[in-house]
Amino acid sequence: MENLIYVLFLCIVAPMILLVLLTKKKSKLITGYMVAGITCALFVSELNSIILSYFDNDGFFVSTTITPITEEIIKALPVLFFAYMFYDNLEILLPLSFSTGIGFALFENMVLLLKMNTDMPIELAAVRGLATALMHGVCTAAVGLGMSYVKKKKELFYCGTLGLLIIAILYHGLYNMLVQSSLSVLGFILPVITYIPLLLRQYNYIKTKRNKEVEHNSQ
């Protein structure tokens, strides 16, 4: 099984890296950070397996208290690195961070499918493909969105970064708890509800920037 996971990783990442070499700057970043998310998922899958063994394979406890911490911190590292070292531009940072989360969810879903050793019900596939993927994307996008503001205020950088990670961890833990409870439907709806404001925020940001450019060019 472990060997299959690494084979799967190579089969996905190798062609994506080849794609990165042929794309333009913005597309290169998006695809590259999706690869980063997939790589984070590979690392976390190994880490979570070790942690799970220490807690007698108590999946509910680990998934609601431990894995939200490990996954959100590791998943956020590429985004924090980019925001700190290069750009804090929201137009770039938000889709870049979202693609990291989606890449993470993509590989996590495939690993889960391998570990099930059986056909995945279409209902579960729909939930994993939409709700869980959105949850990972929204959590990482929230960190990217926050970093676009926190980076500009040096006095808030460290406490602000910590606060963003805590928000992502709590959101992730809440989602995992809801989907394993009698309120599972609410858990599945939660990522969709929180994705819409992010989507509108990005569109409004791009629209406002374009309007300013048009006004500037017309002067």
N, C-alpha and C. Protein backbone atom coordinates (compact mmCIF):
# COMPACT_ATOMS: atom_id res chain seq x y z
N MET A 1 0.82 -1.21 0.00
CA MET A 1 0.00 0.00 0.00
C MET A 1 0.86 1.27 0.00
N GLU A 2 1.88 1.29 0.86
CA GLU A 2 2.75 2.46 0.94
C GLU A 2 3.44 2.72 -0.40
N ASN A 3 3.87 1.65 -1.05
CA ASN A 3 4.51 1.79 -2.35
C ASN A 3 3.54 2.36 -3.38
N LEU A 4 2.27 1.92 -3.32
CA LEU A 4 1.26 2.43 -4.26
C LEU A 4 1.03 3.92 -4.09
N ILE A 5 1.10 4.39 -2.84
CA ILE A 5 0.91 5.82 -2.57
C ILE A 5 2.02 6.64 -3.23
N TYR A 6 3.25 6.17 -3.12
CA TYR A 6 4.37 6.89 -3.75
C TYR A 6 4.31 6.81 -5.27
N VAL A 7 3.86 5.68 -5.79
CA VAL A 7 3.68 5.55 -7.24
C VAL A 7 2.63 6.53 -7.73
N LEU A 8 1.53 6.61 -6.97
CA LEU A 8 0.47 7.55 -7.32
C LEU A 8 0.98 8.99 -7.29
N PHE A 9 1.77 9.31 -6.28
CA PHE A 9 2.34 10.65 -6.15
C PHE A 9 3.19 11.00 -7.38
N LEU A 10 4.05 10.09 -7.78
CA LEU A 10 4.92 10.34 -8.94
C LEU A 10 4.13 10.47 -10.23
N CYS A 11 3.10 9.65 -10.37
CA CYS A 11 2.28 9.68 -11.59
C CYS A 11 1.52 10.99 -11.73
N ILE A 12 1.18 11.61 -10.61
CA ILE A 12 0.46 12.89 -10.65
C ILE A 12 1.42 14.06 -10.78
N VAL A 13 2.47 14.05 -9.98
CA VAL A 13 3.35 15.22 -9.89
C VAL A 13 4.26 15.37 -11.11
N ALA A 14 4.77 14.26 -11.64
CA ALA A 14 5.70 14.35 -12.77
C ALA A 14 5.12 15.11 -13.96
N PRO A 15 3.92 14.78 -14.46
CA PRO A 15 3.39 15.55 -15.58
C PRO A 15 3.03 16.99 -15.23
N MET A 16 2.66 17.22 -13.94
CA MET A 16 2.35 18.59 -13.54
C MET A 16 3.60 19.47 -13.54
N ILE A 17 4.73 18.89 -13.15
CA ILE A 17 5.98 19.64 -13.19
C ILE A 17 6.36 19.98 -14.63
N LEU A 18 6.14 19.03 -15.54
CA LEU A 18 6.39 19.30 -16.96
C LEU A 18 5.49 20.42 -17.47
N LEU A 19 4.26 20.46 -16.97
CA LEU A 19 3.33 21.53 -17.34
C LEU A 19 3.81 22.88 -16.82
N VAL A 20 4.33 22.89 -15.59
CA VAL A 20 4.84 24.14 -15.00
C VAL A 20 5.91 24.76 -15.88
N LEU A 21 6.76 23.92 -16.47
CA LEU A 21 7.87 24.43 -17.28
C LEU A 21 7.40 25.13 -18.55
N LEU A 22 6.16 24.86 -18.98
CA LEU A 22 5.67 25.41 -20.24
C LEU A 22 4.68 26.57 -20.07
N THR A 23 4.27 26.83 -18.84
CA THR A 23 3.23 27.85 -18.62
C THR A 23 3.83 29.20 -18.27
N LYS A 24 2.98 30.22 -18.37
CA LYS A 24 3.41 31.58 -18.05
C LYS A 24 3.43 31.77 -16.54
N LYS A 25 3.88 32.94 -16.10
CA LYS A 25 4.20 33.17 -14.70
C LYS A 25 3.04 32.85 -13.76
N LYS A 26 1.85 33.42 -13.98
CA LYS A 26 0.74 33.24 -13.05
C LYS A 26 0.27 31.79 -13.06
N SER A 27 0.12 31.21 -14.25
CA SER A 27 -0.28 29.81 -14.36
C SER A 27 0.77 28.90 -13.76
N LYS A 28 2.04 29.29 -13.91
CA LYS A 28 3.15 28.51 -13.34
C LYS A 28 3.03 28.46 -11.82
N LEU A 29 2.69 29.61 -11.21
CA LEU A 29 2.55 29.67 -9.76
C LEU A 29 1.39 28.80 -9.28
N ILE A 30 0.25 28.92 -9.96
CA ILE A 30 -0.93 28.16 -9.55
C ILE A 30 -0.67 26.67 -9.63
N THR A 31 -0.13 26.22 -10.77
CA THR A 31 0.16 24.79 -10.94
C THR A 31 1.25 24.34 -9.98
N GLY A 32 2.27 25.16 -9.83
CA GLY A 32 3.37 24.81 -8.93
C GLY A 32 2.92 24.67 -7.49
N TYR A 33 2.02 25.55 -7.07
CA TYR A 33 1.55 25.46 -5.69
C TYR A 33 0.52 24.36 -5.50
N MET A 34 -0.11 23.93 -6.56
CA MET A 34 -0.94 22.72 -6.46
C MET A 34 -0.03 21.51 -6.23
N VAL A 35 1.10 21.49 -6.91
CA VAL A 35 2.09 20.43 -6.67
C VAL A 35 2.59 20.49 -5.23
N ALA A 36 2.79 21.71 -4.71
CA ALA A 36 3.22 21.87 -3.32
C ALA A 36 2.17 21.29 -2.38
N GLY A 37 0.88 21.53 -2.68
CA GLY A 37 -0.19 20.98 -1.86
C GLY A 37 -0.21 19.47 -1.88
N ILE A 38 0.01 18.88 -3.05
CA ILE A 38 0.06 17.42 -3.18
C ILE A 38 1.23 16.86 -2.37
N THR A 39 2.37 17.54 -2.44
CA THR A 39 3.55 17.11 -1.69
C THR A 39 3.30 17.18 -0.19
N CYS A 40 2.64 18.24 0.24
CA CYS A 40 2.28 18.37 1.66
C CYS A 40 1.37 17.23 2.09
N ALA A 41 0.43 16.86 1.22
CA ALA A 41 -0.50 15.77 1.54
C ALA A 41 0.23 14.45 1.70
N LEU A 42 1.25 14.22 0.86
CA LEU A 42 2.05 12.99 0.97
C LEU A 42 2.76 12.94 2.32
N PHE A 43 3.36 14.05 2.70
CA PHE A 43 4.07 14.11 3.98
C PHE A 43 3.11 13.94 5.15
N VAL A 44 1.98 14.62 5.09
CA VAL A 44 1.01 14.56 6.19
C VAL A 44 0.39 13.18 6.32
N SER A 45 0.18 12.49 5.20
CA SER A 45 -0.40 11.15 5.27
C SER A 45 0.50 10.21 6.06
N GLU A 46 1.80 10.36 5.89
CA GLU A 46 2.75 9.55 6.65
C GLU A 46 2.75 9.96 8.12
N LEU A 47 2.74 11.25 8.36
CA LEU A 47 2.76 11.78 9.73
C LEU A 47 1.50 11.39 10.49
N ASN A 48 0.34 11.54 9.84
CA ASN A 48 -0.92 11.20 10.50
C ASN A 48 -1.03 9.71 10.81
N SER A 49 -0.45 8.88 9.95
CA SER A 49 -0.47 7.43 10.21
C SER A 49 0.31 7.09 11.47
N ILE A 50 1.44 7.77 11.66
CA ILE A 50 2.25 7.56 12.88
C ILE A 50 1.49 8.04 14.10
N ILE A 51 0.88 9.23 13.99
CA ILE A 51 0.12 9.79 15.11
C ILE A 51 -1.06 8.89 15.46
N LEU A 52 -1.74 8.39 14.44
CA LEU A 52 -2.90 7.53 14.67
C LEU A 52 -2.51 6.27 15.44
N SER A 53 -1.36 5.71 15.15
CA SER A 53 -0.91 4.50 15.85
C SER A 53 -0.64 4.77 17.32
N TYR A 54 -0.22 5.99 17.65
CA TYR A 54 0.04 6.35 19.04
C TYR A 54 -1.25 6.50 19.85
N PHE A 55 -2.35 6.73 19.17
CA PHE A 55 -3.65 6.90 19.85
C PHE A 55 -4.57 5.71 19.61
N ASP A 56 -3.96 4.51 19.47
CA ASP A 56 -4.72 3.26 19.34
C ASP A 56 -5.73 3.31 18.19
N ASN A 57 -5.36 3.97 17.10
CA ASN A 57 -6.20 4.05 15.90
C ASN A 57 -7.58 4.63 16.17
N ASP A 58 -7.63 5.57 17.13
CA ASP A 58 -8.89 6.27 17.44
C ASP A 58 -9.10 7.36 16.39
N GLY A 59 -9.74 7.01 15.28
CA GLY A 59 -9.87 7.93 14.15
C GLY A 59 -10.65 9.18 14.48
N PHE A 60 -11.72 9.06 15.27
CA PHE A 60 -12.54 10.24 15.58
C PHE A 60 -11.74 11.25 16.40
N PHE A 61 -11.05 10.78 17.43
CA PHE A 61 -10.27 11.69 18.28
C PHE A 61 -9.17 12.37 17.47
N VAL A 62 -8.42 11.58 16.72
CA VAL A 62 -7.30 12.13 15.95
C VAL A 62 -7.78 13.10 14.88
N SER A 63 -8.87 12.76 14.18
CA SER A 63 -9.35 13.60 13.08
C SER A 63 -9.97 14.91 13.56
N THR A 64 -10.40 14.96 14.80
CA THR A 64 -11.03 16.18 15.31
C THR A 64 -10.11 17.03 16.17
N THR A 65 -8.97 16.48 16.60
CA THR A 65 -8.07 17.23 17.48
C THR A 65 -6.64 17.36 16.97
N ILE A 66 -6.14 16.32 16.32
CA ILE A 66 -4.72 16.31 15.93
C ILE A 66 -4.52 16.67 14.46
N THR A 67 -5.22 15.96 13.56
CA THR A 67 -4.97 16.18 12.13
C THR A 67 -5.30 17.60 11.65
N PRO A 68 -6.30 18.29 12.23
CA PRO A 68 -6.48 19.68 11.80
C PRO A 68 -5.24 20.54 12.06
N ILE A 69 -4.52 20.23 13.14
CA ILE A 69 -3.31 20.99 13.46
C ILE A 69 -2.19 20.65 12.49
N THR A 70 -1.92 19.37 12.33
CA THR A 70 -0.81 18.96 11.45
C THR A 70 -1.06 19.38 10.01
N GLU A 71 -2.28 19.16 9.53
CA GLU A 71 -2.58 19.44 8.13
C GLU A 71 -2.57 20.94 7.83
N GLU A 72 -3.18 21.74 8.69
CA GLU A 72 -3.26 23.17 8.39
C GLU A 72 -1.91 23.88 8.52
N ILE A 73 -1.09 23.46 9.47
CA ILE A 73 0.23 24.08 9.60
C ILE A 73 1.11 23.72 8.41
N ILE A 74 1.19 22.44 8.08
CA ILE A 74 2.05 22.01 6.97
C ILE A 74 1.54 22.55 5.64
N LYS A 75 0.21 22.54 5.46
CA LYS A 75 -0.39 23.03 4.22
C LYS A 75 -0.18 24.53 4.03
N ALA A 76 -0.08 25.25 5.14
CA ALA A 76 0.08 26.71 5.07
C ALA A 76 1.52 27.14 4.82
N LEU A 77 2.48 26.26 5.07
CA LEU A 77 3.89 26.64 4.96
C LEU A 77 4.27 27.20 3.58
N PRO A 78 3.87 26.54 2.46
CA PRO A 78 4.22 27.12 1.16
C PRO A 78 3.61 28.51 0.94
N VAL A 79 2.40 28.71 1.46
CA VAL A 79 1.74 30.01 1.31
C VAL A 79 2.45 31.07 2.13
N LEU A 80 2.79 30.75 3.37
CA LEU A 80 3.50 31.69 4.23
C LEU A 80 4.87 32.04 3.64
N PHE A 81 5.54 31.05 3.08
CA PHE A 81 6.84 31.29 2.45
C PHE A 81 6.71 32.26 1.28
N PHE A 82 5.70 32.04 0.44
CA PHE A 82 5.51 32.92 -0.72
C PHE A 82 5.17 34.34 -0.27
N ALA A 83 4.25 34.45 0.70
CA ALA A 83 3.84 35.78 1.16
C ALA A 83 5.00 36.52 1.82
N TYR A 84 5.81 35.80 2.56
CA TYR A 84 6.92 36.44 3.28
C TYR A 84 8.08 36.81 2.36
N MET A 85 8.39 35.91 1.41
CA MET A 85 9.58 36.10 0.58
C MET A 85 9.32 36.89 -0.70
N PHE A 86 8.09 36.84 -1.23
CA PHE A 86 7.85 37.41 -2.55
C PHE A 86 6.74 38.46 -2.56
N TYR A 87 5.49 38.03 -2.66
CA TYR A 87 4.39 38.97 -2.85
C TYR A 87 3.33 38.81 -1.77
N ASP A 88 2.68 39.94 -1.43
CA ASP A 88 1.50 39.88 -0.56
C ASP A 88 0.27 40.39 -1.33
N ASN A 89 0.38 40.35 -2.67
CA ASN A 89 -0.71 40.81 -3.53
C ASN A 89 -1.87 39.82 -3.46
N LEU A 90 -3.05 40.33 -3.09
CA LEU A 90 -4.22 39.46 -2.90
C LEU A 90 -4.63 38.77 -4.19
N GLU A 91 -4.51 39.45 -5.31
CA GLU A 91 -4.92 38.87 -6.59
C GLU A 91 -4.13 37.60 -6.91
N ILE A 92 -2.90 37.55 -6.47
CA ILE A 92 -2.07 36.37 -6.69
C ILE A 92 -2.17 35.40 -5.51
N LEU A 93 -2.13 35.96 -4.30
CA LEU A 93 -2.03 35.14 -3.09
C LEU A 93 -3.27 34.29 -2.84
N LEU A 94 -4.45 34.82 -3.13
CA LEU A 94 -5.67 34.06 -2.85
C LEU A 94 -5.81 32.82 -3.73
N PRO A 95 -5.73 32.95 -5.08
CA PRO A 95 -5.82 31.72 -5.89
C PRO A 95 -4.65 30.77 -5.67
N LEU A 96 -3.48 31.32 -5.37
CA LEU A 96 -2.31 30.48 -5.12
C LEU A 96 -2.52 29.63 -3.86
N SER A 97 -3.01 30.25 -2.80
CA SER A 97 -3.25 29.51 -1.56
C SER A 97 -4.40 28.53 -1.72
N PHE A 98 -5.42 28.92 -2.47
CA PHE A 98 -6.55 28.00 -2.70
C PHE A 98 -6.09 26.78 -3.49
N SER A 99 -5.23 26.98 -4.48
CA SER A 99 -4.74 25.86 -5.28
C SER A 99 -3.89 24.92 -4.44
N THR A 100 -3.19 25.45 -3.42
CA THR A 100 -2.43 24.60 -2.51
C THR A 100 -3.36 23.67 -1.75
N GLY A 101 -4.47 24.24 -1.24
CA GLY A 101 -5.44 23.43 -0.53
C GLY A 101 -6.12 22.40 -1.41
N ILE A 102 -6.43 22.78 -2.65
CA ILE A 102 -7.07 21.85 -3.58
C ILE A 102 -6.12 20.72 -3.95
N GLY A 103 -4.84 21.05 -4.17
CA GLY A 103 -3.85 20.01 -4.45
C GLY A 103 -3.74 19.03 -3.29
N PHE A 104 -3.77 19.57 -2.08
CA PHE A 104 -3.72 18.73 -0.88
C PHE A 104 -4.93 17.79 -0.85
N ALA A 105 -6.12 18.33 -1.08
CA ALA A 105 -7.35 17.53 -1.05
C ALA A 105 -7.36 16.49 -2.16
N LEU A 106 -6.85 16.85 -3.32
CA LEU A 106 -6.81 15.93 -4.46
C LEU A 106 -6.04 14.66 -4.10
N PHE A 107 -4.86 14.84 -3.54
CA PHE A 107 -4.04 13.66 -3.21
C PHE A 107 -4.60 12.92 -2.01
N GLU A 108 -5.12 13.66 -1.03
CA GLU A 108 -5.71 13.02 0.15
C GLU A 108 -6.88 12.11 -0.24
N ASN A 109 -7.71 12.58 -1.17
CA ASN A 109 -8.84 11.77 -1.63
C ASN A 109 -8.36 10.49 -2.33
N MET A 110 -7.31 10.61 -3.12
CA MET A 110 -6.79 9.44 -3.82
C MET A 110 -6.18 8.42 -2.86
N VAL A 111 -5.49 8.91 -1.83
CA VAL A 111 -4.93 8.01 -0.81
C VAL A 111 -6.06 7.30 -0.07
N LEU A 112 -7.12 8.03 0.25
CA LEU A 112 -8.27 7.43 0.93
C LEU A 112 -8.89 6.33 0.06
N LEU A 113 -9.01 6.60 -1.22
CA LEU A 113 -9.57 5.61 -2.14
C LEU A 113 -8.72 4.35 -2.18
N LEU A 114 -7.41 4.52 -2.17
CA LEU A 114 -6.51 3.36 -2.15
C LEU A 114 -6.66 2.56 -0.86
N LYS A 115 -6.79 3.26 0.26
CA LYS A 115 -6.85 2.59 1.56
C LYS A 115 -8.19 1.89 1.79
N MET A 116 -9.22 2.32 1.07
CA MET A 116 -10.53 1.69 1.27
C MET A 116 -10.58 0.27 0.72
N ASN A 117 -9.74 -0.01 -0.28
CA ASN A 117 -9.68 -1.35 -0.88
C ASN A 117 -11.04 -1.84 -1.37
N THR A 118 -11.89 -0.93 -1.75
CA THR A 118 -13.21 -1.29 -2.27
C THR A 118 -13.74 -0.13 -3.09
N ASP A 119 -14.84 -0.33 -3.78
CA ASP A 119 -15.43 0.75 -4.55
C ASP A 119 -15.94 1.84 -3.62
N MET A 120 -15.65 3.09 -3.95
CA MET A 120 -16.15 4.20 -3.15
C MET A 120 -17.56 4.56 -3.61
N PRO A 121 -18.54 4.63 -2.71
CA PRO A 121 -19.90 5.02 -3.10
C PRO A 121 -19.89 6.39 -3.76
N ILE A 122 -20.74 6.58 -4.75
CA ILE A 122 -20.78 7.84 -5.48
C ILE A 122 -21.11 9.01 -4.56
N GLU A 123 -21.91 8.75 -3.52
CA GLU A 123 -22.26 9.81 -2.57
C GLU A 123 -21.02 10.29 -1.81
N LEU A 124 -20.21 9.31 -1.37
CA LEU A 124 -18.99 9.67 -0.66
C LEU A 124 -18.01 10.38 -1.58
N ALA A 125 -17.94 9.93 -2.84
CA ALA A 125 -17.05 10.58 -3.80
C ALA A 125 -17.46 12.03 -4.03
N ALA A 126 -18.78 12.28 -4.10
CA ALA A 126 -19.27 13.64 -4.29
C ALA A 126 -18.94 14.52 -3.10
N VAL A 127 -19.08 13.95 -1.91
CA VAL A 127 -18.79 14.70 -0.68
C VAL A 127 -17.30 15.01 -0.60
N ARG A 128 -16.48 13.97 -0.81
CA ARG A 128 -15.04 14.16 -0.74
C ARG A 128 -14.55 15.12 -1.83
N GLY A 129 -15.13 15.00 -3.02
CA GLY A 129 -14.68 15.82 -4.14
C GLY A 129 -15.11 17.26 -4.05
N LEU A 130 -16.23 17.51 -3.37
CA LEU A 130 -16.73 18.88 -3.29
C LEU A 130 -16.52 19.47 -1.90
N ALA A 131 -17.19 18.89 -0.90
CA ALA A 131 -17.17 19.49 0.43
C ALA A 131 -15.78 19.45 1.07
N THR A 132 -15.16 18.27 1.10
CA THR A 132 -13.85 18.16 1.76
C THR A 132 -12.78 18.92 0.99
N ALA A 133 -12.83 18.86 -0.33
CA ALA A 133 -11.86 19.61 -1.14
C ALA A 133 -12.02 21.11 -0.92
N LEU A 134 -13.27 21.56 -0.87
CA LEU A 134 -13.52 22.98 -0.61
C LEU A 134 -13.05 23.38 0.78
N MET A 135 -13.26 22.49 1.75
CA MET A 135 -12.82 22.78 3.11
C MET A 135 -11.31 23.04 3.14
N HIS A 136 -10.55 22.15 2.50
CA HIS A 136 -9.09 22.34 2.46
C HIS A 136 -8.73 23.62 1.72
N GLY A 137 -9.41 23.86 0.59
CA GLY A 137 -9.12 25.06 -0.18
C GLY A 137 -9.45 26.33 0.58
N VAL A 138 -10.60 26.34 1.26
CA VAL A 138 -11.04 27.52 2.01
C VAL A 138 -10.10 27.80 3.18
N CYS A 139 -9.69 26.76 3.90
CA CYS A 139 -8.78 26.95 5.04
C CYS A 139 -7.47 27.60 4.60
N THR A 140 -6.88 27.07 3.54
CA THR A 140 -5.61 27.62 3.07
C THR A 140 -5.80 28.99 2.43
N ALA A 141 -6.92 29.19 1.73
CA ALA A 141 -7.21 30.49 1.13
C ALA A 141 -7.40 31.55 2.20
N ALA A 142 -7.99 31.17 3.33
CA ALA A 142 -8.17 32.12 4.43
C ALA A 142 -6.82 32.60 4.96
N VAL A 143 -5.86 31.67 5.03
CA VAL A 143 -4.51 32.06 5.45
C VAL A 143 -3.89 33.01 4.43
N GLY A 144 -4.05 32.70 3.13
CA GLY A 144 -3.52 33.58 2.09
C GLY A 144 -4.19 34.94 2.10
N LEU A 145 -5.50 34.95 2.27
CA LEU A 145 -6.25 36.22 2.33
C LEU A 145 -5.78 37.06 3.50
N GLY A 146 -5.64 36.43 4.66
CA GLY A 146 -5.18 37.17 5.83
C GLY A 146 -3.76 37.67 5.68
N MET A 147 -2.90 36.88 5.06
CA MET A 147 -1.50 37.29 4.89
C MET A 147 -1.37 38.51 4.01
N SER A 148 -2.31 38.71 3.08
CA SER A 148 -2.25 39.88 2.21
C SER A 148 -2.42 41.18 3.01
N TYR A 149 -3.01 41.08 4.19
CA TYR A 149 -3.17 42.24 5.08
C TYR A 149 -2.11 42.26 6.17
N VAL A 150 -1.86 41.10 6.78
CA VAL A 150 -0.92 41.00 7.89
C VAL A 150 0.49 41.37 7.47
N LYS A 151 0.89 40.97 6.26
CA LYS A 151 2.25 41.23 5.79
C LYS A 151 2.56 42.73 5.72
N LYS A 152 1.53 43.55 5.50
CA LYS A 152 1.72 44.99 5.38
C LYS A 152 1.92 45.66 6.74
N LYS A 153 1.60 44.97 7.82
CA LYS A 153 1.71 45.54 9.16
C LYS A 153 2.69 44.70 9.96
N LYS A 154 3.93 45.16 10.04
CA LYS A 154 4.98 44.37 10.67
C LYS A 154 4.69 44.05 12.13
N GLU A 155 4.02 44.98 12.82
CA GLU A 155 3.75 44.75 14.23
C GLU A 155 2.71 43.64 14.45
N LEU A 156 1.96 43.31 13.40
CA LEU A 156 0.95 42.26 13.51
C LEU A 156 1.36 40.96 12.82
N PHE A 157 2.56 40.94 12.25
CA PHE A 157 2.92 39.80 11.41
C PHE A 157 2.90 38.48 12.16
N TYR A 158 3.59 38.41 13.28
CA TYR A 158 3.72 37.13 13.99
C TYR A 158 2.42 36.71 14.66
N CYS A 159 1.82 37.63 15.40
CA CYS A 159 0.55 37.28 16.07
C CYS A 159 -0.56 37.09 15.04
N GLY A 160 -0.51 37.86 13.96
CA GLY A 160 -1.52 37.72 12.91
C GLY A 160 -1.40 36.39 12.19
N THR A 161 -0.17 35.97 11.90
CA THR A 161 0.05 34.68 11.25
C THR A 161 -0.44 33.55 12.15
N LEU A 162 -0.12 33.63 13.44
CA LEU A 162 -0.58 32.61 14.39
C LEU A 162 -2.11 32.59 14.45
N GLY A 163 -2.72 33.77 14.45
CA GLY A 163 -4.18 33.85 14.49
C GLY A 163 -4.82 33.21 13.26
N LEU A 164 -4.23 33.43 12.09
CA LEU A 164 -4.75 32.83 10.85
C LEU A 164 -4.67 31.31 10.90
N LEU A 165 -3.56 30.79 11.40
CA LEU A 165 -3.41 29.34 11.52
C LEU A 165 -4.43 28.76 12.50
N ILE A 166 -4.67 29.46 13.59
CA ILE A 166 -5.65 28.99 14.58
C ILE A 166 -7.05 28.96 13.99
N ILE A 167 -7.39 29.99 13.20
CA ILE A 167 -8.70 30.03 12.55
C ILE A 167 -8.86 28.83 11.61
N ALA A 168 -7.83 28.57 10.80
CA ALA A 168 -7.88 27.44 9.86
C ALA A 168 -8.01 26.11 10.60
N ILE A 169 -7.27 25.97 11.70
CA ILE A 169 -7.32 24.73 12.48
C ILE A 169 -8.69 24.52 13.10
N LEU A 170 -9.26 25.57 13.68
CA LEU A 170 -10.59 25.46 14.30
C LEU A 170 -11.66 25.14 13.27
N TYR A 171 -11.57 25.79 12.11
CA TYR A 171 -12.54 25.54 11.04
C TYR A 171 -12.44 24.07 10.58
N HIS A 172 -11.24 23.61 10.38
CA HIS A 172 -10.99 22.23 9.94
C HIS A 172 -11.51 21.24 10.99
N GLY A 173 -11.20 21.49 12.26
CA GLY A 173 -11.66 20.62 13.33
C GLY A 173 -13.18 20.59 13.43
N LEU A 174 -13.81 21.76 13.26
CA LEU A 174 -15.27 21.84 13.29
C LEU A 174 -15.88 21.04 12.16
N TYR A 175 -15.31 21.16 10.97
CA TYR A 175 -15.81 20.41 9.82
C TYR A 175 -15.72 18.91 10.07
N ASN A 176 -14.54 18.45 10.52
CA ASN A 176 -14.37 17.02 10.78
C ASN A 176 -15.33 16.51 11.85
N MET A 177 -15.60 17.34 12.85
CA MET A 177 -16.52 16.94 13.91
C MET A 177 -17.95 16.86 13.39
N LEU A 178 -18.35 17.84 12.59
CA LEU A 178 -19.72 17.87 12.07
C LEU A 178 -20.01 16.70 11.13
N VAL A 179 -19.07 16.41 10.22
CA VAL A 179 -19.33 15.36 9.23
C VAL A 179 -19.35 13.97 9.84
N GLN A 180 -18.85 13.84 11.07
CA GLN A 180 -18.89 12.55 11.76
C GLN A 180 -19.97 12.50 12.84
N SER A 181 -20.89 13.48 12.79
CA SER A 181 -21.96 13.56 13.77
C SER A 181 -23.31 13.45 13.08
N SER A 182 -24.37 13.62 13.85
CA SER A 182 -25.72 13.62 13.28
C SER A 182 -25.99 14.86 12.45
N LEU A 183 -25.11 15.85 12.55
CA LEU A 183 -25.24 17.09 11.78
C LEU A 183 -24.32 17.08 10.56
N SER A 184 -24.12 15.91 9.98
CA SER A 184 -23.19 15.77 8.87
C SER A 184 -23.57 16.64 7.67
N VAL A 185 -24.87 16.80 7.44
CA VAL A 185 -25.32 17.62 6.31
C VAL A 185 -24.84 19.06 6.48
N LEU A 186 -24.92 19.56 7.70
CA LEU A 186 -24.44 20.92 7.99
C LEU A 186 -22.95 21.01 7.73
N GLY A 187 -22.22 19.95 8.08
CA GLY A 187 -20.78 19.94 7.83
C GLY A 187 -20.47 19.99 6.35
N PHE A 188 -21.24 19.28 5.54
CA PHE A 188 -21.01 19.27 4.10
C PHE A 188 -21.34 20.63 3.46
N ILE A 189 -22.33 21.31 4.03
CA ILE A 189 -22.75 22.61 3.49
C ILE A 189 -21.79 23.72 3.89
N LEU A 190 -21.17 23.59 5.05
CA LEU A 190 -20.30 24.65 5.60
C LEU A 190 -19.23 25.15 4.62
N PRO A 191 -18.45 24.25 3.97
CA PRO A 191 -17.42 24.76 3.04
C PRO A 191 -18.01 25.52 1.85
N VAL A 192 -19.17 25.08 1.37
CA VAL A 192 -19.80 25.76 0.24
C VAL A 192 -20.20 27.18 0.63
N ILE A 193 -20.76 27.32 1.83
CA ILE A 193 -21.19 28.63 2.31
C ILE A 193 -20.00 29.57 2.47
N THR A 194 -18.89 29.06 2.98
CA THR A 194 -17.73 29.92 3.21
C THR A 194 -16.91 30.15 1.94
N TYR A 195 -17.11 29.31 0.93
CA TYR A 195 -16.40 29.50 -0.33
C TYR A 195 -16.96 30.68 -1.12
N ILE A 196 -18.27 30.88 -1.04
CA ILE A 196 -18.93 31.94 -1.82
C ILE A 196 -18.37 33.33 -1.49
N PRO A 197 -18.22 33.72 -0.21
CA PRO A 197 -17.62 35.04 0.08
C PRO A 197 -16.21 35.20 -0.47
N LEU A 198 -15.41 34.13 -0.41
CA LEU A 198 -14.06 34.19 -0.97
C LEU A 198 -14.10 34.43 -2.47
N LEU A 199 -15.03 33.75 -3.13
CA LEU A 199 -15.18 33.90 -4.58
C LEU A 199 -15.59 35.32 -4.94
N LEU A 200 -16.59 35.84 -4.22
CA LEU A 200 -17.06 37.21 -4.47
C LEU A 200 -15.97 38.23 -4.16
N ARG A 201 -15.21 37.98 -3.08
CA ARG A 201 -14.13 38.89 -2.70
C ARG A 201 -13.08 38.98 -3.80
N GLN A 202 -12.73 37.85 -4.38
CA GLN A 202 -11.73 37.84 -5.43
C GLN A 202 -12.23 38.54 -6.69
N TYR A 203 -13.46 38.29 -7.07
CA TYR A 203 -14.03 38.93 -8.25
C TYR A 203 -14.13 40.45 -8.06
N ASN A 204 -14.55 40.88 -6.89
CA ASN A 204 -14.66 42.31 -6.61
C ASN A 204 -13.29 42.98 -6.61
N TYR A 205 -12.29 42.26 -6.08
CA TYR A 205 -10.93 42.80 -6.05
C TYR A 205 -10.41 43.00 -7.47
N ILE A 206 -10.60 42.00 -8.32
CA ILE A 206 -10.13 42.09 -9.71
C ILE A 206 -10.88 43.18 -10.46
N LYS A 207 -12.21 43.25 -10.25
CA LYS A 207 -13.03 44.25 -10.93
C LYS A 207 -12.61 45.66 -10.53
N THR A 208 -12.38 45.87 -9.23
CA THR A 208 -11.96 47.19 -8.74
C THR A 208 -10.61 47.59 -9.31
N LYS A 209 -9.70 46.64 -9.36
CA LYS A 209 -8.37 46.92 -9.89
C LYS A 209 -8.43 47.28 -11.37
N ARG A 210 -9.25 46.56 -12.13
CA ARG A 210 -9.39 46.86 -13.55
C ARG A 210 -10.02 48.22 -13.78
N ASN A 211 -11.00 48.58 -12.97
CA ASN A 211 -11.64 49.89 -13.10
C ASN A 211 -10.65 51.01 -12.82
N LYS A 212 -9.78 50.81 -11.84
CA LYS A 212 -8.76 51.81 -11.53
C LYS A 212 -7.77 51.94 -12.68
N GLU A 213 -7.42 50.81 -13.30
CA GLU A 213 -6.49 50.85 -14.44
C GLU A 213 -7.12 51.57 -15.63
N VAL A 214 -8.41 51.34 -15.85
CA VAL A 214 -9.11 52.02 -16.94
C VAL A 214 -9.16 53.52 -16.69
N GLU A 215 -9.47 53.91 -15.46
CA GLU A 215 -9.50 55.33 -15.10
C GLU A 215 -8.14 55.99 -15.26
N HIS A 216 -7.10 55.25 -14.86
CA HIS A 216 -5.74 55.79 -14.96
C HIS A 216 -5.33 55.96 -16.43
N ASN A 217 -5.69 55.00 -17.28
CA ASN A 217 -5.33 55.07 -18.70
C ASN A 217 -6.10 56.14 -19.45
N SER A 218 -7.31 56.43 -18.96
CA SER A 218 -8.14 57.44 -19.63
C SER A 218 -7.75 58.86 -19.29
N GLN A 219 -6.96 59.02 -18.23
CA GLN A 219 -6.54 60.37 -17.83
C GLN A 219 -5.40 60.89 -18.68
